[in-house]
Amino acid sequence: MGQGSRPGLDFHSFRRSYVTHLIKDGWDPRFVQEQVGHEHASTTSLYTCVSSDFRTRTLRRHLDSTITAALQTQTGRQA
C-alpha cells in the first residue's frame, strides 16, 4: 500500500472487508462470489470474516423461522 498505511494492511485486507460487509448486509452469496471473481463459493467463504454476533443472529433468525413454520404446519394438522 501507500505511505502511511498500517503494517499488514494490503489489497486483500480491503477485499476481505468488502466481501464481509456484503455478506453481513444480506447480499446474495452468488452475487458476492461474482463480484470478486471466484469460480467456487468455497473460495469466497474464505474471505468472509463475520463476527460471532452476526453468526448467532443469523442462526437465531433461521431457527425462529423454521420453528414458526413447523408450529404452523402442526397447528394446521390439528384443526
C-alpha atoms as a PDB file:
ATOM      1  CA  MET A   1       0.000   0.000   0.000  1.00  0.00           C
ATOM      2  CA  GLY A   2       0.987   3.634   0.022  1.00  0.00           C
ATOM      3  CA  GLN A   3       2.936   5.595   2.560  1.00  0.00           C
ATOM      4  CA  GLY A   4       1.203   5.974   5.877  1.00  0.00           C
ATOM      5  CA  SER A   5      -0.635   2.652   5.627  1.00  0.00           C
ATOM      6  CA  ARG A   6      -0.650   0.453   8.648  1.00  0.00           C
ATOM      7  CA  PRO A   7       1.622  -2.601   8.507  1.00  0.00           C
ATOM      8  CA  GLY A   8      -0.256  -5.677   7.332  1.00  0.00           C
ATOM      9  CA  LEU A   9      -2.905  -3.617   5.531  1.00  0.00           C
ATOM     10  CA  ASP A  10      -2.902  -4.665   1.895  1.00  0.00           C
ATOM     11  CA  PHE A  11      -5.204  -5.084  -1.099  1.00  0.00           C
ATOM     12  CA  HIS A  12      -6.580  -8.350   0.252  1.00  0.00           C
ATOM     13  CA  SER A  13      -7.464  -6.664   3.553  1.00  0.00           C
ATOM     14  CA  PHE A  14      -9.799  -4.364   1.627  1.00  0.00           C
ATOM     15  CA  ARG A  15     -11.077  -7.241  -0.473  1.00  0.00           C
ATOM     16  CA  ARG A  16     -11.921  -9.324   2.612  1.00  0.00           C
ATOM     17  CA  SER A  17     -13.588  -6.325   4.229  1.00  0.00           C
ATOM     18  CA  TYR A  18     -15.669  -5.701   1.095  1.00  0.00           C
ATOM     19  CA  VAL A  19     -16.855  -9.314   0.949  1.00  0.00           C
ATOM     20  CA  THR A  20     -17.578  -9.404   4.684  1.00  0.00           C
ATOM     21  CA  HIS A  21     -19.680  -6.241   4.502  1.00  0.00           C
ATOM     22  CA  LEU A  22     -21.657  -7.511   1.518  1.00  0.00           C
ATOM     23  CA  ILE A  23     -22.423 -10.782   3.309  1.00  0.00           C
ATOM     24  CA  LYS A  24     -23.328  -9.029   6.577  1.00  0.00           C
ATOM     25  CA  ASP A  25     -25.600  -6.626   4.698  1.00  0.00           C
ATOM     26  CA  GLY A  26     -27.522  -9.564   3.261  1.00  0.00           C
ATOM     27  CA  TRP A  27     -26.356  -9.575  -0.359  1.00  0.00           C
ATOM     28  CA  ASP A  28     -26.915 -12.826  -2.215  1.00  0.00           C
ATOM     29  CA  PRO A  29     -23.831 -15.046  -1.799  1.00  0.00           C
ATOM     30  CA  ARG A  30     -23.771 -15.791  -5.544  1.00  0.00           C
ATOM     31  CA  PHE A  31     -23.665 -12.040  -6.277  1.00  0.00           C
ATOM     32  CA  VAL A  32     -20.775 -11.624  -3.835  1.00  0.00           C
ATOM     33  CA  GLN A  33     -18.947 -14.559  -5.414  1.00  0.00           C
ATOM     34  CA  GLU A  34     -19.269 -12.971  -8.851  1.00  0.00           C
ATOM     35  CA  GLN A  35     -18.231  -9.546  -7.533  1.00  0.00           C
ATOM     36  CA  VAL A  36     -14.846 -10.901  -6.501  1.00  0.00           C
ATOM     37  CA  GLY A  37     -14.472 -13.220  -9.483  1.00  0.00           C
ATOM     38  CA  HIS A  38     -14.399 -16.539  -7.680  1.00  0.00           C
ATOM     39  CA  GLU A  39     -15.324 -19.674  -9.578  1.00  0.00           C
ATOM     40  CA  HIS A  40     -16.269 -21.564  -6.400  1.00  0.00           C
ATOM     41  CA  ALA A  41     -18.350 -20.439  -3.420  1.00  0.00           C
ATOM     42  CA  SER A  42     -15.883 -22.168  -1.110  1.00  0.00           C
ATOM     43  CA  THR A  43     -13.209 -19.690  -2.199  1.00  0.00           C
ATOM     44  CA  THR A  44     -15.470 -16.749  -1.392  1.00  0.00           C
ATOM     45  CA  SER A  45     -16.263 -18.219   2.010  1.00  0.00           C
ATOM     46  CA  LEU A  46     -12.580 -17.922   2.911  1.00  0.00           C
ATOM     47  CA  TYR A  47     -12.972 -14.144   2.631  1.00  0.00           C
ATOM     48  CA  THR A  48     -15.923 -13.854   4.965  1.00  0.00           C
ATOM     49  CA  CYS A  49     -14.867 -12.833   8.426  1.00  0.00           C
ATOM     50  CA  VAL A  50     -18.256 -12.330  10.025  1.00  0.00           C
ATOM     51  CA  SER A  51     -18.401 -11.788  13.759  1.00  0.00           C
ATOM     52  CA  SER A  52     -19.701 -14.396  16.144  1.00  0.00           C
ATOM     53  CA  ASP A  53     -22.542 -11.979  16.986  1.00  0.00           C
ATOM     54  CA  PHE A  54     -23.582 -11.893  13.322  1.00  0.00           C
ATOM     55  CA  ARG A  55     -23.405 -15.695  13.093  1.00  0.00           C
ATOM     56  CA  THR A  56     -25.517 -16.017  16.248  1.00  0.00           C
ATOM     57  CA  ARG A  57     -28.151 -13.552  14.996  1.00  0.00           C
ATOM     58  CA  THR A  58     -28.307 -15.263  11.596  1.00  0.00           C
ATOM     59  CA  LEU A  59     -28.670 -18.711  13.147  1.00  0.00           C
ATOM     60  CA  ARG A  60     -31.333 -17.417  15.564  1.00  0.00           C
ATOM     61  CA  ARG A  61     -33.310 -15.840  12.705  1.00  0.00           C
ATOM     62  CA  HIS A  62     -33.282 -19.067  10.681  1.00  0.00           C
ATOM     63  CA  LEU A  63     -34.124 -21.244  13.667  1.00  0.00           C
ATOM     64  CA  ASP A  64     -37.011 -18.968  14.643  1.00  0.00           C
ATOM     65  CA  SER A  65     -38.480 -19.052  11.129  1.00  0.00           C
ATOM     66  CA  THR A  66     -38.086 -22.841  10.928  1.00  0.00           C
ATOM     67  CA  ILE A  67     -39.766 -23.362  14.300  1.00  0.00           C
ATOM     68  CA  THR A  68     -42.595 -20.960  13.402  1.00  0.00           C
ATOM     69  CA  ALA A  69     -43.220 -22.784  10.118  1.00  0.00           C
ATOM     70  CA  ALA A  70     -43.178 -26.173  11.868  1.00  0.00           C
ATOM     71  CA  LEU A  71     -45.651 -24.983  14.502  1.00  0.00           C
ATOM     72  CA  GLN A  72     -47.962 -23.547  11.839  1.00  0.00           C
ATOM     73  CA  THR A  73     -47.850 -26.838   9.952  1.00  0.00           C
ATOM     74  CA  GLN A  74     -48.629 -28.788  13.121  1.00  0.00           C
ATOM     75  CA  THR A  75     -51.465 -26.430  14.086  1.00  0.00           C
ATOM     76  CA  GLY A  76     -52.944 -26.848  10.603  1.00  0.00           C
ATOM     77  CA  ARG A  77     -52.971 -30.634  11.005  1.00  0.00           C
ATOM     78  CA  GLN A  78     -54.771 -30.456  14.345  1.00  0.00           C
ATOM     79  CA  ALA A  79     -57.615 -28.247  13.031  1.00  0.00           C
END
